[in-house]
Amino acid sequence: YAFLQATGFVNDHLTGCRCKGGRQQTA
């Protein structure tokens, strides 16, 4: 689950967090 959170398969940023949105990440 921590892996899924870290890699954006699950977005658990809290409502109100400045990072709630997401973007693609490359190497």
mmCIF file of all heavy atoms, coordinates in Angstrom:
data_MODEL
# 
_entry.id   MODEL 
# 
loop_
_atom_site.group_PDB 
_atom_site.id 
_atom_site.type_symbol 
_atom_site.label_atom_id 
_atom_site.label_alt_id 
_atom_site.label_comp_id 
_atom_site.label_asym_id 
_atom_site.label_entity_id 
_atom_site.label_seq_id 
_atom_site.pdbx_PDB_ins_code 
_atom_site.Cartn_x 
_atom_site.Cartn_y 
_atom_site.Cartn_z 
_atom_site.occupancy 
_atom_site.B_iso_or_equiv 
_atom_site.pdbx_formal_charge 
_atom_site.auth_seq_id 
_atom_site.auth_comp_id 
_atom_site.auth_asym_id 
_atom_site.auth_atom_id 
_atom_site.pdbx_PDB_model_num 
ATOM 1   N N   . TYR A 1 1  ? 0.838   -1.209 0.000   1.00 0.00 ? 1  TYR A N   1 
ATOM 2   C CA  . TYR A 1 1  ? 0.000   0.000  0.000   1.00 0.00 ? 1  TYR A CA  1 
ATOM 3   C C   . TYR A 1 1  ? 0.874   1.260  0.000   1.00 0.00 ? 1  TYR A C   1 
ATOM 4   O O   . TYR A 1 1  ? 0.598   2.216  -0.723  1.00 0.00 ? 1  TYR A O   1 
ATOM 5   C CB  . TYR A 1 1  ? -0.972  0.007  1.180   1.00 0.00 ? 1  TYR A CB  1 
ATOM 6   C CG  . TYR A 1 1  ? -2.029  1.090  1.050   1.00 0.00 ? 1  TYR A CG  1 
ATOM 7   C CD1 . TYR A 1 1  ? -3.056  0.963  0.111   1.00 0.00 ? 1  TYR A CD1 1 
ATOM 8   C CD2 . TYR A 1 1  ? -1.992  2.231  1.831   1.00 0.00 ? 1  TYR A CD2 1 
ATOM 9   C CE1 . TYR A 1 1  ? -4.019  1.954  -0.036  1.00 0.00 ? 1  TYR A CE1 1 
ATOM 10  C CE2 . TYR A 1 1  ? -2.953  3.232  1.689   1.00 0.00 ? 1  TYR A CE2 1 
ATOM 11  C CZ  . TYR A 1 1  ? -3.966  3.079  0.752   1.00 0.00 ? 1  TYR A CZ  1 
ATOM 12  O OH  . TYR A 1 1  ? -4.915  4.068  0.595   1.00 0.00 ? 1  TYR A OH  1 
ATOM 13  N N   . ALA A 1 2  ? 1.950   1.245  0.786   1.00 0.00 ? 2  ALA A N   1 
ATOM 14  C CA  . ALA A 1 2  ? 2.876   2.386  0.805   1.00 0.00 ? 2  ALA A CA  1 
ATOM 15  C C   . ALA A 1 2  ? 3.495   2.588  -0.585  1.00 0.00 ? 2  ALA A C   1 
ATOM 16  O O   . ALA A 1 2  ? 3.660   3.724  -1.050  1.00 0.00 ? 2  ALA A O   1 
ATOM 17  C CB  . ALA A 1 2  ? 3.963   2.175  1.854   1.00 0.00 ? 2  ALA A CB  1 
ATOM 18  N N   . PHE A 1 3  ? 3.819   1.494  -1.260  1.00 0.00 ? 3  PHE A N   1 
ATOM 19  C CA  . PHE A 1 3  ? 4.345   1.551  -2.631  1.00 0.00 ? 3  PHE A CA  1 
ATOM 20  C C   . PHE A 1 3  ? 3.313   2.186  -3.570  1.00 0.00 ? 3  PHE A C   1 
ATOM 21  O O   . PHE A 1 3  ? 3.645   3.059  -4.382  1.00 0.00 ? 3  PHE A O   1 
ATOM 22  C CB  . PHE A 1 3  ? 4.693   0.131  -3.091  1.00 0.00 ? 3  PHE A CB  1 
ATOM 23  C CG  . PHE A 1 3  ? 4.975   -0.009 -4.561  1.00 0.00 ? 3  PHE A CG  1 
ATOM 24  C CD1 . PHE A 1 3  ? 6.239   0.242  -5.072  1.00 0.00 ? 3  PHE A CD1 1 
ATOM 25  C CD2 . PHE A 1 3  ? 3.978   -0.416 -5.437  1.00 0.00 ? 3  PHE A CD2 1 
ATOM 26  C CE1 . PHE A 1 3  ? 6.497   0.103  -6.432  1.00 0.00 ? 3  PHE A CE1 1 
ATOM 27  C CE2 . PHE A 1 3  ? 4.221   -0.553 -6.798  1.00 0.00 ? 3  PHE A CE2 1 
ATOM 28  C CZ  . PHE A 1 3  ? 5.488   -0.294 -7.295  1.00 0.00 ? 3  PHE A CZ  1 
ATOM 29  N N   . LEU A 1 4  ? 2.060   1.766  -3.462  1.00 0.00 ? 4  LEU A N   1 
ATOM 30  C CA  . LEU A 1 4  ? 0.990   2.302  -4.324  1.00 0.00 ? 4  LEU A CA  1 
ATOM 31  C C   . LEU A 1 4  ? 0.768   3.794  -4.060  1.00 0.00 ? 4  LEU A C   1 
ATOM 32  O O   . LEU A 1 4  ? 0.514   4.564  -4.995  1.00 0.00 ? 4  LEU A O   1 
ATOM 33  C CB  . LEU A 1 4  ? -0.304  1.512  -4.114  1.00 0.00 ? 4  LEU A CB  1 
ATOM 34  C CG  . LEU A 1 4  ? -0.257  0.037  -4.521  1.00 0.00 ? 4  LEU A CG  1 
ATOM 35  C CD1 . LEU A 1 4  ? -1.555  -0.680 -4.123  1.00 0.00 ? 4  LEU A CD1 1 
ATOM 36  C CD2 . LEU A 1 4  ? 0.019   -0.138 -6.015  1.00 0.00 ? 4  LEU A CD2 1 
ATOM 37  N N   . GLN A 1 5  ? 0.862   4.204  -2.794  1.00 0.00 ? 5  GLN A N   1 
ATOM 38  C CA  . GLN A 1 5  ? 0.748   5.630  -2.453  1.00 0.00 ? 5  GLN A CA  1 
ATOM 39  C C   . GLN A 1 5  ? 1.915   6.418  -3.042  1.00 0.00 ? 5  GLN A C   1 
ATOM 40  O O   . GLN A 1 5  ? 1.726   7.476  -3.634  1.00 0.00 ? 5  GLN A O   1 
ATOM 41  C CB  . GLN A 1 5  ? 0.757   5.825  -0.935  1.00 0.00 ? 5  GLN A CB  1 
ATOM 42  C CG  . GLN A 1 5  ? -0.476  5.356  -0.205  1.00 0.00 ? 5  GLN A CG  1 
ATOM 43  C CD  . GLN A 1 5  ? -0.265  5.451  1.304   1.00 0.00 ? 5  GLN A CD  1 
ATOM 44  O OE1 . GLN A 1 5  ? 0.711   4.930  1.840   1.00 0.00 ? 5  GLN A OE1 1 
ATOM 45  N NE2 . GLN A 1 5  ? -1.166  6.131  1.983   1.00 0.00 ? 5  GLN A NE2 1 
ATOM 46  N N   . ALA A 1 6  ? 3.120   5.902  -2.857  1.00 0.00 ? 6  ALA A N   1 
ATOM 47  C CA  . ALA A 1 6  ? 4.322   6.615  -3.300  1.00 0.00 ? 6  ALA A CA  1 
ATOM 48  C C   . ALA A 1 6  ? 4.322   6.823  -4.806  1.00 0.00 ? 6  ALA A C   1 
ATOM 49  O O   . ALA A 1 6  ? 4.770   7.859  -5.297  1.00 0.00 ? 6  ALA A O   1 
ATOM 50  C CB  . ALA A 1 6  ? 5.571   5.840  -2.879  1.00 0.00 ? 6  ALA A CB  1 
ATOM 51  N N   . THR A 1 7  ? 3.802   5.846  -5.546  1.00 0.00 ? 7  THR A N   1 
ATOM 52  C CA  . THR A 1 7  ? 3.893   5.871  -7.008  1.00 0.00 ? 7  THR A CA  1 
ATOM 53  C C   . THR A 1 7  ? 2.597   6.326  -7.676  1.00 0.00 ? 7  THR A C   1 
ATOM 54  O O   . THR A 1 7  ? 2.444   6.205  -8.892  1.00 0.00 ? 7  THR A O   1 
ATOM 55  C CB  . THR A 1 7  ? 4.310   4.484  -7.542  1.00 0.00 ? 7  THR A CB  1 
ATOM 56  O OG1 . THR A 1 7  ? 3.406   3.493  -7.029  1.00 0.00 ? 7  THR A OG1 1 
ATOM 57  C CG2 . THR A 1 7  ? 5.742   4.142  -7.118  1.00 0.00 ? 7  THR A CG2 1 
ATOM 58  N N   . GLY A 1 8  ? 1.662   6.849  -6.892  1.00 0.00 ? 8  GLY A N   1 
ATOM 59  C CA  . GLY A 1 8  ? 0.480   7.492  -7.448  1.00 0.00 ? 8  GLY A CA  1 
ATOM 60  C C   . GLY A 1 8  ? -0.619  6.571  -7.936  1.00 0.00 ? 8  GLY A C   1 
ATOM 61  O O   . GLY A 1 8  ? -1.593  7.038  -8.535  1.00 0.00 ? 8  GLY A O   1 
ATOM 62  N N   . PHE A 1 9  ? -0.501  5.280  -7.677  1.00 0.00 ? 9  PHE A N   1 
ATOM 63  C CA  . PHE A 1 9  ? -1.626  4.387  -8.012  1.00 0.00 ? 9  PHE A CA  1 
ATOM 64  C C   . PHE A 1 9  ? -2.772  4.640  -7.036  1.00 0.00 ? 9  PHE A C   1 
ATOM 65  O O   . PHE A 1 9  ? -3.924  4.375  -7.332  1.00 0.00 ? 9  PHE A O   1 
ATOM 66  C CB  . PHE A 1 9  ? -1.191  2.918  -7.983  1.00 0.00 ? 9  PHE A CB  1 
ATOM 67  C CG  . PHE A 1 9  ? -0.281  2.557  -9.115  1.00 0.00 ? 9  PHE A CG  1 
ATOM 68  C CD1 . PHE A 1 9  ? 1.098   2.570  -8.945  1.00 0.00 ? 9  PHE A CD1 1 
ATOM 69  C CD2 . PHE A 1 9  ? -0.790  2.243  -10.366 1.00 0.00 ? 9  PHE A CD2 1 
ATOM 70  C CE1 . PHE A 1 9  ? 1.948   2.254  -9.994  1.00 0.00 ? 9  PHE A CE1 1 
ATOM 71  C CE2 . PHE A 1 9  ? 0.053   1.927  -11.430 1.00 0.00 ? 9  PHE A CE2 1 
ATOM 72  C CZ  . PHE A 1 9  ? 1.421   1.939  -11.237 1.00 0.00 ? 9  PHE A CZ  1 
ATOM 73  N N   . VAL A 1 10 ? -2.401  5.152  -5.869  1.00 0.00 ? 10 VAL A N   1 
ATOM 74  C CA  . VAL A 1 10 ? -3.373  5.628  -4.884  1.00 0.00 ? 10 VAL A CA  1 
ATOM 75  C C   . VAL A 1 10 ? -2.925  7.034  -4.482  1.00 0.00 ? 10 VAL A C   1 
ATOM 76  O O   . VAL A 1 10 ? -1.771  7.227  -4.100  1.00 0.00 ? 10 VAL A O   1 
ATOM 77  C CB  . VAL A 1 10 ? -3.413  4.724  -3.635  1.00 0.00 ? 10 VAL A CB  1 
ATOM 78  C CG1 . VAL A 1 10 ? -4.335  5.309  -2.577  1.00 0.00 ? 10 VAL A CG1 1 
ATOM 79  C CG2 . VAL A 1 10 ? -3.836  3.310  -3.994  1.00 0.00 ? 10 VAL A CG2 1 
ATOM 80  N N   . ASN A 1 11 ? -3.817  8.008  -4.607  1.00 0.00 ? 11 ASN A N   1 
ATOM 81  C CA  . ASN A 1 11 ? -3.495  9.369  -4.184  1.00 0.00 ? 11 ASN A CA  1 
ATOM 82  C C   . ASN A 1 11 ? -4.185  9.619  -2.847  1.00 0.00 ? 11 ASN A C   1 
ATOM 83  O O   . ASN A 1 11 ? -5.399  9.762  -2.783  1.00 0.00 ? 11 ASN A O   1 
ATOM 84  C CB  . ASN A 1 11 ? -3.969  10.385 -5.237  1.00 0.00 ? 11 ASN A CB  1 
ATOM 85  C CG  . ASN A 1 11 ? -3.595  11.810 -4.864  1.00 0.00 ? 11 ASN A CG  1 
ATOM 86  O OD1 . ASN A 1 11 ? -3.448  12.162 -3.699  1.00 0.00 ? 11 ASN A OD1 1 
ATOM 87  N ND2 . ASN A 1 11 ? -3.464  12.659 -5.875  1.00 0.00 ? 11 ASN A ND2 1 
ATOM 88  N N   . ASP A 1 12 ? -3.376  9.618  -1.798  1.00 0.00 ? 12 ASP A N   1 
ATOM 89  C CA  . ASP A 1 12 ? -3.897  9.823  -0.447  1.00 0.00 ? 12 ASP A CA  1 
ATOM 90  C C   . ASP A 1 12 ? -3.523  11.194 0.120   1.00 0.00 ? 12 ASP A C   1 
ATOM 91  O O   . ASP A 1 12 ? -3.567  11.386 1.339   1.00 0.00 ? 12 ASP A O   1 
ATOM 92  C CB  . ASP A 1 12 ? -3.409  8.715  0.495   1.00 0.00 ? 12 ASP A CB  1 
ATOM 93  C CG  . ASP A 1 12 ? -4.283  7.473  0.435   1.00 0.00 ? 12 ASP A CG  1 
ATOM 94  O OD1 . ASP A 1 12 ? -5.405  7.547  -0.105  1.00 0.00 ? 12 ASP A OD1 1 
ATOM 95  O OD2 . ASP A 1 12 ? -3.841  6.413  0.929   1.00 0.00 ? 12 ASP A OD2 1 
ATOM 96  N N   . HIS A 1 13 ? -3.155  12.148 -0.749  1.00 0.00 ? 13 HIS A N   1 
ATOM 97  C CA  . HIS A 1 13 ? -2.972  13.507 -0.242  1.00 0.00 ? 13 HIS A CA  1 
ATOM 98  C C   . HIS A 1 13 ? -4.311  13.963 0.340   1.00 0.00 ? 13 HIS A C   1 
ATOM 99  O O   . HIS A 1 13 ? -5.373  13.727 -0.252  1.00 0.00 ? 13 HIS A O   1 
ATOM 100 C CB  . HIS A 1 13 ? -2.561  14.472 -1.366  1.00 0.00 ? 13 HIS A CB  1 
ATOM 101 C CG  . HIS A 1 13 ? -1.114  14.366 -1.732  1.00 0.00 ? 13 HIS A CG  1 
ATOM 102 N ND1 . HIS A 1 13 ? -0.096  14.846 -0.926  1.00 0.00 ? 13 HIS A ND1 1 
ATOM 103 C CD2 . HIS A 1 13 ? -0.508  13.839 -2.822  1.00 0.00 ? 13 HIS A CD2 1 
ATOM 104 C CE1 . HIS A 1 13 ? 1.068   14.614 -1.516  1.00 0.00 ? 13 HIS A CE1 1 
ATOM 105 N NE2 . HIS A 1 13 ? 0.850   14.005 -2.658  1.00 0.00 ? 13 HIS A NE2 1 
ATOM 106 N N   . LEU A 1 14 ? -4.254  14.577 1.504   1.00 0.00 ? 14 LEU A N   1 
ATOM 107 C CA  . LEU A 1 14 ? -5.477  15.009 2.164   1.00 0.00 ? 14 LEU A CA  1 
ATOM 108 C C   . LEU A 1 14 ? -6.153  16.138 1.401   1.00 0.00 ? 14 LEU A C   1 
ATOM 109 O O   . LEU A 1 14 ? -5.497  16.938 0.728   1.00 0.00 ? 14 LEU A O   1 
ATOM 110 C CB  . LEU A 1 14 ? -5.170  15.494 3.588   1.00 0.00 ? 14 LEU A CB  1 
ATOM 111 C CG  . LEU A 1 14 ? -4.629  14.457 4.564   1.00 0.00 ? 14 LEU A CG  1 
ATOM 112 C CD1 . LEU A 1 14 ? -4.389  15.102 5.926   1.00 0.00 ? 14 LEU A CD1 1 
ATOM 113 C CD2 . LEU A 1 14 ? -5.568  13.269 4.704   1.00 0.00 ? 14 LEU A CD2 1 
ATOM 114 N N   . THR A 1 15 ? -7.485  16.192 1.528   1.00 0.00 ? 15 THR A N   1 
ATOM 115 C CA  . THR A 1 15 ? -8.220  17.345 1.021   1.00 0.00 ? 15 THR A CA  1 
ATOM 116 C C   . THR A 1 15 ? -7.656  18.574 1.737   1.00 0.00 ? 15 THR A C   1 
ATOM 117 O O   . THR A 1 15 ? -7.498  18.561 2.952   1.00 0.00 ? 15 THR A O   1 
ATOM 118 C CB  . THR A 1 15 ? -9.720  17.190 1.342   1.00 0.00 ? 15 THR A CB  1 
ATOM 119 O OG1 . THR A 1 15 ? -10.161 15.959 0.762   1.00 0.00 ? 15 THR A OG1 1 
ATOM 120 C CG2 . THR A 1 15 ? -10.533 18.329 0.791   1.00 0.00 ? 15 THR A CG2 1 
ATOM 121 N N   . GLY A 1 16 ? -7.283  19.593 1.003   1.00 0.00 ? 16 GLY A N   1 
ATOM 122 C CA  . GLY A 1 16 ? -6.670  20.771 1.621   1.00 0.00 ? 16 GLY A CA  1 
ATOM 123 C C   . GLY A 1 16 ? -5.164  20.796 1.472   1.00 0.00 ? 16 GLY A C   1 
ATOM 124 O O   . GLY A 1 16 ? -4.529  21.813 1.727   1.00 0.00 ? 16 GLY A O   1 
ATOM 125 N N   . CYS A 1 17 ? -4.574  19.668 1.048   1.00 0.00 ? 17 CYS A N   1 
ATOM 126 C CA  . CYS A 1 17 ? -3.132  19.634 0.813   1.00 0.00 ? 17 CYS A CA  1 
ATOM 127 C C   . CYS A 1 17 ? -2.829  20.299 -0.530  1.00 0.00 ? 17 CYS A C   1 
ATOM 128 O O   . CYS A 1 17 ? -3.544  20.082 -1.503  1.00 0.00 ? 17 CYS A O   1 
ATOM 129 C CB  . CYS A 1 17 ? -2.634  18.189 0.799   1.00 0.00 ? 17 CYS A CB  1 
ATOM 130 S SG  . CYS A 1 17 ? -0.891  18.037 0.334   1.00 0.00 ? 17 CYS A SG  1 
ATOM 131 N N   . ARG A 1 18 ? -1.753  21.071 -0.557  1.00 0.00 ? 18 ARG A N   1 
ATOM 132 C CA  . ARG A 1 18 ? -1.359  21.778 -1.780  1.00 0.00 ? 18 ARG A CA  1 
ATOM 133 C C   . ARG A 1 18 ? -1.007  20.828 -2.926  1.00 0.00 ? 18 ARG A C   1 
ATOM 134 O O   . ARG A 1 18 ? -0.936  21.245 -4.075  1.00 0.00 ? 18 ARG A O   1 
ATOM 135 C CB  . ARG A 1 18 ? -0.180  22.697 -1.503  1.00 0.00 ? 18 ARG A CB  1 
ATOM 136 C CG  . ARG A 1 18 ? 1.081   21.942 -1.094  1.00 0.00 ? 18 ARG A CG  1 
ATOM 137 C CD  . ARG A 1 18 ? 2.294   22.836 -0.919  1.00 0.00 ? 18 ARG A CD  1 
ATOM 138 N NE  . ARG A 1 18 ? 2.143   23.687 0.241   1.00 0.00 ? 18 ARG A NE  1 
ATOM 139 C CZ  . ARG A 1 18 ? 2.844   24.795 0.429   1.00 0.00 ? 18 ARG A CZ  1 
ATOM 140 N NH1 . ARG A 1 18 ? 3.730   25.182 -0.453  1.00 0.00 ? 18 ARG A NH1 1 
ATOM 141 N NH2 . ARG A 1 18 ? 2.680   25.517 1.510   1.00 0.00 ? 18 ARG A NH2 1 
ATOM 142 N N   . CYS A 1 19 ? -0.774  19.552 -2.624  1.00 0.00 ? 19 CYS A N   1 
ATOM 143 C CA  . CYS A 1 19 ? -0.347  18.585 -3.646  1.00 0.00 ? 19 CYS A CA  1 
ATOM 144 C C   . CYS A 1 19 ? -1.453  17.616 -4.046  1.00 0.00 ? 19 CYS A C   1 
ATOM 145 O O   . CYS A 1 19 ? -1.173  16.547 -4.587  1.00 0.00 ? 19 CYS A O   1 
ATOM 146 C CB  . CYS A 1 19 ? 0.855   17.798 -3.136  1.00 0.00 ? 19 CYS A CB  1 
ATOM 147 S SG  . CYS A 1 19 ? 2.284   18.815 -2.790  1.00 0.00 ? 19 CYS A SG  1 
ATOM 148 N N   . LYS A 1 20 ? -2.690  17.962 -3.784  1.00 0.00 ? 20 LYS A N   1 
ATOM 149 C CA  . LYS A 1 20 ? -3.782  17.018 -4.065  1.00 0.00 ? 20 LYS A CA  1 
ATOM 150 C C   . LYS A 1 20 ? -3.837  16.613 -5.535  1.00 0.00 ? 20 LYS A C   1 
ATOM 151 O O   . LYS A 1 20 ? -4.159  15.495 -5.858  1.00 0.00 ? 20 LYS A O   1 
ATOM 152 C CB  . LYS A 1 20 ? -5.129  17.614 -3.624  1.00 0.00 ? 20 LYS A CB  1 
ATOM 153 C CG  . LYS A 1 20 ? -6.280  16.630 -3.705  1.00 0.00 ? 20 LYS A CG  1 
ATOM 154 C CD  . LYS A 1 20 ? -6.027  15.431 -2.810  1.00 0.00 ? 20 LYS A CD  1 
ATOM 155 C CE  . LYS A 1 20 ? -7.150  14.418 -2.937  1.00 0.00 ? 20 LYS A CE  1 
ATOM 156 N NZ  . LYS A 1 20 ? -6.831  13.165 -2.293  1.00 0.00 ? 20 LYS A NZ  1 
ATOM 157 N N   . GLY A 1 21 ? -3.484  17.506 -6.465  1.00 0.00 ? 21 GLY A N   1 
ATOM 158 C CA  . GLY A 1 21 ? -3.469  17.149 -7.888  1.00 0.00 ? 21 GLY A CA  1 
ATOM 159 C C   . GLY A 1 21 ? -2.309  16.213 -8.184  1.00 0.00 ? 21 GLY A C   1 
ATOM 160 O O   . GLY A 1 21 ? -1.523  15.896 -7.314  1.00 0.00 ? 21 GLY A O   1 
ATOM 161 N N   . GLY A 1 22 ? -2.163  15.756 -9.427  1.00 0.00 ? 22 GLY A N   1 
ATOM 162 C CA  . GLY A 1 22 ? -1.066  14.844 -9.773  1.00 0.00 ? 22 GLY A CA  1 
ATOM 163 C C   . GLY A 1 22 ? -0.503  15.173 -11.143 1.00 0.00 ? 22 GLY A C   1 
ATOM 164 O O   . GLY A 1 22 ? -1.134  15.824 -11.943 1.00 0.00 ? 22 GLY A O   1 
ATOM 165 N N   . ARG A 1 23 ? 0.725   14.691 -11.354 1.00 0.00 ? 23 ARG A N   1 
ATOM 166 C CA  . ARG A 1 23 ? 1.327   14.829 -12.693 1.00 0.00 ? 23 ARG A CA  1 
ATOM 167 C C   . ARG A 1 23 ? 2.168   13.584 -12.962 1.00 0.00 ? 23 ARG A C   1 
ATOM 168 O O   . ARG A 1 23 ? 2.561   12.882 -12.052 1.00 0.00 ? 23 ARG A O   1 
ATOM 169 C CB  . ARG A 1 23 ? 2.183   16.088 -12.798 1.00 0.00 ? 23 ARG A CB  1 
ATOM 170 C CG  . ARG A 1 23 ? 3.391   16.063 -11.914 1.00 0.00 ? 23 ARG A CG  1 
ATOM 171 C CD  . ARG A 1 23 ? 4.254   17.300 -12.131 1.00 0.00 ? 23 ARG A CD  1 
ATOM 172 N NE  . ARG A 1 23 ? 5.235   17.409 -11.084 1.00 0.00 ? 23 ARG A NE  1 
ATOM 173 C CZ  . ARG A 1 23 ? 6.309   16.620 -10.975 1.00 0.00 ? 23 ARG A CZ  1 
ATOM 174 N NH1 . ARG A 1 23 ? 6.529   15.667 -11.807 1.00 0.00 ? 23 ARG A NH1 1 
ATOM 175 N NH2 . ARG A 1 23 ? 7.165   16.791 -9.983  1.00 0.00 ? 23 ARG A NH2 1 
ATOM 176 N N   . GLN A 1 24 ? 2.436   13.331 -14.248 1.00 0.00 ? 24 GLN A N   1 
ATOM 177 C CA  . GLN A 1 24 ? 3.206   12.162 -14.631 1.00 0.00 ? 24 GLN A CA  1 
ATOM 178 C C   . GLN A 1 24 ? 4.664   12.352 -14.232 1.00 0.00 ? 24 GLN A C   1 
ATOM 179 O O   . GLN A 1 24 ? 5.197   13.452 -14.304 1.00 0.00 ? 24 GLN A O   1 
ATOM 180 C CB  . GLN A 1 24 ? 3.091   11.977 -16.151 1.00 0.00 ? 24 GLN A CB  1 
ATOM 181 C CG  . GLN A 1 24 ? 3.313   10.577 -16.622 1.00 0.00 ? 24 GLN A CG  1 
ATOM 182 C CD  . GLN A 1 24 ? 2.239   9.612  -16.176 1.00 0.00 ? 24 GLN A CD  1 
ATOM 183 O OE1 . GLN A 1 24 ? 1.265   9.970  -15.533 1.00 0.00 ? 24 GLN A OE1 1 
ATOM 184 N NE2 . GLN A 1 24 ? 2.410   8.370  -16.508 1.00 0.00 ? 24 GLN A NE2 1 
ATOM 185 N N   . GLN A 1 25 ? 5.305   11.277 -13.819 1.00 0.00 ? 25 GLN A N   1 
ATOM 186 C CA  . GLN A 1 25 ? 6.702   11.349 -13.403 1.00 0.00 ? 25 GLN A CA  1 
ATOM 187 C C   . GLN A 1 25 ? 7.512   10.400 -14.274 1.00 0.00 ? 25 GLN A C   1 
ATOM 188 O O   . GLN A 1 25 ? 7.098   9.286  -14.526 1.00 0.00 ? 25 GLN A O   1 
ATOM 189 C CB  . GLN A 1 25 ? 6.793   10.929 -11.939 1.00 0.00 ? 25 GLN A CB  1 
ATOM 190 C CG  . GLN A 1 25 ? 8.162   11.043 -11.348 1.00 0.00 ? 25 GLN A CG  1 
ATOM 191 C CD  . GLN A 1 25 ? 8.154   10.646 -9.894  1.00 0.00 ? 25 GLN A CD  1 
ATOM 192 O OE1 . GLN A 1 25 ? 7.142   10.648 -9.231  1.00 0.00 ? 25 GLN A OE1 1 
ATOM 193 N NE2 . GLN A 1 25 ? 9.314   10.273 -9.392  1.00 0.00 ? 25 GLN A NE2 1 
ATOM 194 N N   . THR A 1 26 ? 8.672   10.854 -14.730 1.00 0.00 ? 26 THR A N   1 
ATOM 195 C CA  . THR A 1 26 ? 9.543   9.995  -15.544 1.00 0.00 ? 26 THR A CA  1 
ATOM 196 C C   . THR A 1 26 ? 10.896  9.898  -14.873 1.00 0.00 ? 26 THR A C   1 
ATOM 197 O O   . THR A 1 26 ? 11.216  10.648 -13.966 1.00 0.00 ? 26 THR A O   1 
ATOM 198 C CB  . THR A 1 26 ? 9.695   10.575 -16.967 1.00 0.00 ? 26 THR A CB  1 
ATOM 199 O OG1 . THR A 1 26 ? 10.127  11.925 -16.853 1.00 0.00 ? 26 THR A OG1 1 
ATOM 200 C CG2 . THR A 1 26 ? 8.395   10.529 -17.726 1.00 0.00 ? 26 THR A CG2 1 
ATOM 201 N N   . ALA A 1 27 ? 11.684  8.971  -15.369 1.00 0.00 ? 27 ALA A N   1 
ATOM 202 C CA  . ALA A 1 27 ? 12.980  8.706  -14.736 1.00 0.00 ? 27 ALA A CA  1 
ATOM 203 C C   . ALA A 1 27 ? 13.913  9.909  -14.841 1.00 0.00 ? 27 ALA A C   1 
ATOM 204 O O   . ALA A 1 27 ? 13.923  10.587 -15.855 1.00 0.00 ? 27 ALA A O   1 
ATOM 205 C CB  . ALA A 1 27 ? 13.638  7.497  -15.397 1.00 0.00 ? 27 ALA A CB  1 
# 
